[in-house]
Protein backbone atom coordinates (compact mmCIF):
# COMPACT_ATOMS: atom_id res chain seq x y z
CA MET A 1 1.92 -19.48 1.87
CA ILE A 2 2.26 -17.36 -1.27
CA ASN A 3 2.18 -13.96 -1.68
CA LYS A 4 -0.46 -13.69 -4.69
CA ALA A 5 0.16 -10.04 -5.26
CA LYS A 6 4.22 -10.35 -5.51
CA GLN A 7 3.72 -13.10 -8.29
CA ARG A 8 1.39 -10.62 -10.11
CA LEU A 9 3.94 -8.45 -9.55
CA LYS A 10 7.03 -10.93 -10.88
CA SER A 11 5.22 -11.51 -14.09
CA GLY A 12 4.60 -8.14 -15.03
CA LYS A 13 0.83 -7.93 -14.33
CA ALA A 14 -0.58 -4.91 -12.34
CA VAL A 15 -1.64 -5.01 -9.01
CA VAL A 16 -4.86 -3.17 -8.01
CA ASN A 17 -5.07 -2.28 -4.53
CA GLY A 18 -7.59 -1.11 -2.07
CA TRP A 19 -7.01 0.56 1.41
CA LEU A 20 -8.85 0.34 4.39
CA ALA A 21 -9.34 3.28 6.71
CA ILE A 22 -12.19 2.38 8.26
CA PRO A 23 -11.40 0.05 11.72
CA SER A 24 -14.04 -2.82 11.13
CA GLY A 25 -13.59 -6.56 9.80
CA PHE A 26 -16.92 -6.69 8.82
CA SER A 27 -15.94 -3.44 6.08
CA ALA A 28 -12.35 -5.21 5.55
CA GLU A 29 -14.84 -8.31 4.22
CA VAL A 30 -16.81 -6.45 2.09
CA MET A 31 -14.10 -5.11 0.28
CA ALA A 32 -12.49 -7.96 -0.12
CA GLN A 33 -15.12 -9.52 -1.71
CA CYS A 34 -14.49 -6.29 -4.37
CA GLY A 35 -12.00 -7.89 -6.77
CA TRP A 36 -9.35 -6.53 -5.40
CA ASP A 37 -5.21 -8.40 -5.99
CA SER A 38 -4.62 -6.61 -2.03
CA VAL A 39 -5.78 -5.04 0.69
CA THR A 40 -4.02 -2.44 2.73
CA VAL A 41 -5.00 -1.64 6.48
CA ASP A 42 -3.76 1.83 6.90
CA MET A 43 -2.07 2.03 9.97
CA GLN A 44 -0.54 5.78 9.05
CA HIS A 45 -3.63 8.31 8.20
CA GLY A 46 -6.78 4.84 8.86
CA VAL A 47 -8.82 5.47 11.90
CA GLN A 48 -6.86 1.98 12.52
CA ASP A 49 -4.56 0.36 15.53
CA TYR A 50 -3.31 -3.52 15.79
CA LEU A 51 -6.15 -5.04 17.30
CA SER A 52 -8.35 -3.44 14.43
CA MET A 53 -5.60 -4.56 11.73
CA VAL A 54 -6.00 -8.42 12.94
CA GLN A 55 -9.69 -7.96 12.96
CA CYS A 56 -9.51 -6.66 8.95
CA PHE A 57 -7.60 -9.62 8.25
CA HIS A 58 -9.94 -12.04 9.71
CA GLY A 59 -12.77 -10.30 7.77
CA MET A 60 -10.63 -10.73 4.51
CA GLY A 61 -9.26 -14.24 5.29
CA ALA A 62 -11.80 -16.04 3.15
CA GLN A 63 -11.08 -14.13 -0.41
CA PRO A 64 -8.06 -14.54 -2.44
CA VAL A 65 -6.31 -11.13 -1.55
CA THR A 66 -3.34 -10.27 -0.53
CA PRO A 67 -3.24 -8.10 3.39
CA LEU A 68 -1.21 -5.73 3.47
CA VAL A 69 -0.33 -2.74 5.78
CA ARG A 70 0.76 1.35 5.82
CA VAL A 71 2.69 1.40 9.24
CA PRO A 72 2.41 4.66 11.00
CA TRP A 73 6.37 5.21 10.97
CA ASN A 74 9.68 3.44 9.92
CA GLU A 75 9.78 1.28 13.34
CA PRO A 76 10.81 -1.67 14.22
CA GLY A 77 8.52 -2.89 16.86
CA ILE A 78 4.80 -1.94 15.00
CA ILE A 79 6.37 -3.12 11.67
CA GLY A 80 7.47 -6.59 13.08
CA LYS A 81 4.32 -6.68 14.91
CA VAL A 82 2.30 -5.99 11.65
CA LEU A 83 4.29 -8.72 9.73
CA ASP A 84 3.62 -11.51 12.67
CA GLY A 85 -0.20 -10.29 12.49
CA GLY A 86 -0.14 -12.05 9.26
CA ALA A 87 0.88 -9.00 6.59
CA TRP A 88 2.49 -10.04 3.41
CA GLY A 89 4.01 -7.08 2.70
CA VAL A 90 4.70 -3.48 4.29
CA ILE A 91 4.42 0.33 2.77
CA CYS A 92 6.49 2.59 5.15
CA PRO A 93 6.19 6.31 4.99
CA MET A 94 8.74 9.14 4.38
CA VAL A 95 12.00 6.59 3.88
CA ASN A 96 13.90 9.25 2.61
CA ASN A 97 18.05 8.16 2.22
CA LYS A 98 20.01 4.63 1.81
CA ALA A 99 19.99 4.55 5.73
CA GLU A 100 16.13 4.84 6.41
CA ALA A 101 15.46 1.72 3.66
CA GLN A 102 18.19 -0.27 5.09
CA ARG A 103 16.28 0.16 8.52
CA LEU A 104 12.60 -0.33 6.97
CA VAL A 105 14.80 -3.81 5.12
CA ASP A 106 15.98 -5.02 8.56
CA SER A 107 12.82 -4.48 10.44
CA CYS A 108 10.80 -6.73 7.56
CA LEU A 109 13.79 -9.47 6.62
CA TYR A 110 14.85 -12.38 9.02
CA PRO A 111 18.57 -13.04 9.62
CA PRO A 112 20.71 -12.71 7.50
CA ALA A 113 18.84 -10.20 5.22
CA GLY A 114 17.26 -8.31 8.04
CA ARG A 115 16.76 -8.67 11.94
CA ARG A 116 13.93 -9.09 12.30
CA SER A 117 12.66 -10.52 15.61
CA ASN A 118 11.67 -14.41 15.58
CA GLY A 119 8.21 -14.53 16.59
CA PRO A 120 5.23 -15.26 14.15
CA ILE A 121 2.31 -15.43 15.70
CA ARG A 122 0.01 -15.21 13.29
CA ALA A 123 1.73 -15.48 10.21
CA ALA A 124 2.92 -18.84 10.68
CA ALA A 125 -0.44 -20.59 10.12
CA TYR A 126 -1.10 -21.31 14.11
CA GLY A 127 1.66 -23.65 14.73
CA GLU A 128 3.46 -23.86 11.18
CA ALA A 129 6.30 -21.79 12.31
CA SER A 130 9.40 -23.13 10.87
CA SER A 131 7.77 -23.44 7.27
CA TYR A 132 7.25 -19.39 7.55
CA GLN A 133 10.74 -18.88 8.52
CA THR A 134 11.86 -20.49 5.68
CA ILE A 135 9.99 -18.35 2.99
CA ALA A 136 9.69 -15.45 4.62
CA ASN A 137 12.10 -13.29 3.35
CA ASP A 138 11.16 -14.29 -0.39
CA GLU A 139 7.90 -13.62 -0.10
CA VAL A 140 7.15 -10.32 2.28
CA LEU A 141 6.84 -7.14 0.05
CA VAL A 142 9.46 -4.24 1.46
CA MET A 143 7.69 -0.89 -0.09
CA PRO A 144 9.14 1.96 0.90
CA MET A 145 7.52 5.41 0.17
CA ILE A 146 8.55 7.99 -1.99
CA GLU A 147 6.80 11.50 -0.95
CA THR A 148 9.42 14.08 -0.24
CA GLN A 149 12.39 15.75 -2.01
CA GLU A 150 15.25 14.47 -0.25
CA ALA A 151 13.53 10.56 -1.34
CA ILE A 152 13.76 12.01 -5.02
CA ASP A 153 17.49 13.07 -4.94
CA ASN A 154 18.47 9.80 -3.65
CA ILE A 155 16.67 7.43 -5.11
CA ASN A 156 19.15 5.34 -6.65
CA GLU A 157 20.31 4.91 -3.05
CA ILE A 158 17.19 3.87 -1.74
CA LEU A 159 16.71 1.22 -4.87
CA ASP A 160 20.19 0.08 -4.29
CA VAL A 161 19.45 -1.26 -0.78
CA PRO A 162 19.02 -5.35 -0.82
CA GLY A 163 15.58 -6.23 0.36
CA ILE A 164 13.74 -3.70 -0.78
CA SER A 165 10.81 -5.19 -3.92
CA GLY A 166 9.42 -1.47 -4.82
CA ILE A 167 8.74 2.03 -3.71
CA TYR A 168 5.05 3.70 -3.00
CA VAL A 169 4.41 7.20 -4.43
CA GLY A 170 2.55 9.46 -2.08
CA PRO A 171 1.24 12.06 -4.06
CA SER A 172 0.15 14.28 -1.62
CA ASP A 173 2.80 14.68 0.83
CA LEU A 174 5.36 14.72 -2.57
CA GLY A 175 3.43 17.73 -3.58
CA PHE A 176 3.83 19.32 -0.26
CA SER A 177 7.22 19.30 -0.34
CA LEU A 178 7.48 20.43 -3.59
CA GLY A 179 5.45 23.65 -2.46
CA LEU A 180 2.48 22.38 -4.43
CA VAL A 181 -0.84 21.45 -2.99
CA PRO A 182 -1.53 18.10 -1.63
CA ILE A 183 -3.37 16.16 -3.58
CA LEU A 184 -3.90 12.51 -5.56
CA ASP A 185 -4.14 12.86 -9.09
CA ARG A 186 -1.48 15.13 -10.18
CA GLU A 187 -0.77 17.12 -13.47
CA GLU A 188 1.99 19.04 -12.63
CA PRO A 189 4.49 18.76 -15.80
CA LYS A 190 7.42 18.31 -12.73
CA ILE A 191 5.21 15.65 -10.95
CA LEU A 192 4.76 13.62 -14.00
CA GLY A 193 8.61 13.91 -14.86
CA ILE A 194 9.31 12.41 -11.53
CA TYR A 195 7.05 9.72 -12.15
CA GLU A 196 8.79 9.00 -15.52
CA MET A 197 11.78 8.54 -13.77
CA LEU A 198 10.80 6.40 -11.02
CA VAL A 199 9.29 3.61 -13.26
CA ARG A 200 12.44 3.65 -15.21
CA GLU A 201 14.52 3.42 -12.30
CA THR A 202 12.72 0.92 -10.90
CA SER A 203 12.18 -0.80 -13.88
CA LYS A 204 15.89 -1.10 -14.66
CA ARG A 205 16.76 -2.61 -11.82
CA GLY A 206 13.20 -5.21 -11.59
CA GLN A 207 11.66 -3.71 -8.94
CA PHE A 208 8.26 -2.15 -9.35
CA ALA A 209 6.55 1.56 -8.52
CA GLY A 210 3.31 1.85 -7.15
CA ILE A 211 0.78 4.87 -6.34
CA HIS A 212 -1.92 6.17 -4.27
CA ASN A 213 -4.84 7.61 -6.52
CA GLY A 214 -7.78 9.18 -6.79
CA THR A 215 -9.45 7.75 -9.27
CA ALA A 216 -9.83 4.52 -11.10
CA ALA A 217 -9.55 6.06 -14.40
CA TYR A 218 -6.23 8.13 -12.95
CA ALA A 219 -4.98 4.72 -11.52
CA ALA A 220 -5.13 3.16 -15.12
CA ARG A 221 -3.64 5.71 -16.75
CA MET A 222 -0.36 5.21 -14.06
CA ILE A 223 -0.30 1.60 -15.20
CA GLY A 224 -0.46 2.86 -18.57
CA MET A 225 2.87 5.06 -17.64
CA GLY A 226 4.15 1.80 -15.81
CA PHE A 227 3.45 1.91 -12.19
CA ARG A 228 2.66 -1.85 -11.32
CA PHE A 229 0.70 -1.07 -8.08
CA VAL A 230 -2.05 0.98 -7.91
CA THR A 231 -4.17 1.96 -5.11
CA ILE A 232 -7.66 4.04 -5.87
CA ALA A 233 -8.98 5.93 -2.73
CA ASN A 234 -10.10 4.13 0.03
CA ASP A 235 -13.23 2.40 1.81
CA SER A 236 -14.15 5.45 3.25
CA GLY A 237 -13.89 7.42 0.11
CA LEU A 238 -14.94 5.19 -1.91
CA MET A 239 -18.46 4.64 0.19
CA ALA A 240 -19.06 8.39 0.67
CA GLN A 241 -18.72 8.66 -3.38
CA ALA A 242 -21.36 6.15 -3.89
CA ALA A 243 -23.74 7.54 -0.80
CA ARG A 244 -23.46 10.61 -2.60
CA ALA A 245 -24.05 9.81 -5.92
CA ALA A 246 -27.22 7.93 -4.90
CA VAL A 247 -28.39 10.90 -2.87
CA LYS A 248 -28.39 12.94 -5.58
CA GLY A 249 -29.93 10.83 -8.49
CA VAL A 250 -33.00 10.01 -6.07
CA ARG A 251 -33.26 14.04 -6.03
CA GLU A 252 -32.88 14.42 -9.35
CA ALA A 253 -35.27 11.80 -10.22
CA ALA A 254 -38.08 12.72 -7.83
CA GLY A 255 -38.03 16.44 -8.91
CA ALA A 256 -38.98 19.31 -5.86
CA VAL A 257 -40.19 16.54 -3.53
CA ALA A 258 -36.85 15.39 -2.93
CA ALA A 259 -35.13 18.28 -3.34
CA ALA A 260 -32.53 19.31 -0.11
CA GLY A 261 -33.42 21.86 2.21
């Protein structure tokens, strides 16, 4: 039971992360075969619940991807359940200050480092619970989302909370909080300056910075900036993009007989 994504991060390599909005074990199985280092079940804005998360984990199980979850909120009950269900990391939205970062760590880690309740029903490999507890605190990724001006103002105290592995930038909400349009692949100089600061502050603490991207090209650019955890869109978005391209290709190649309308 080793978190391969965390191994990559420790070695300085970038983790390329997939994102599951679709509540389907089959969809997760297909995504897991596509070369991602990790795949995240999105329980905040995706159409996912706890049972669909477990189904997605089942679908991914045969592939060497690290299963992660974005939880809907910084609440110990659901954080404990997704970890017990097999997640090797938690991405938590709207962590804005030291107290909220500490609450996240407390929910993710067992005593004495945290307050996570014991009961790893799936994470413990069906009966080998004692070995899981000895490694869980070292293997679980704890990733607060940085997506508000308040979080930027408090970034040093957030990063200094023991147990924080790295951060995950939510560009849409970050822009929203600064009075900008909520989009992913941002070009505003102020935002890019914030990104550079986040990379610098995480790097000097031995942590990593992650970010959600709309395109592969922007994700590669962010790796070049120093981000070490990059997500590209999500399963439903990638499916729609490929479908639109296929339909467009047929109509353009076939001419008037296949034209829309």
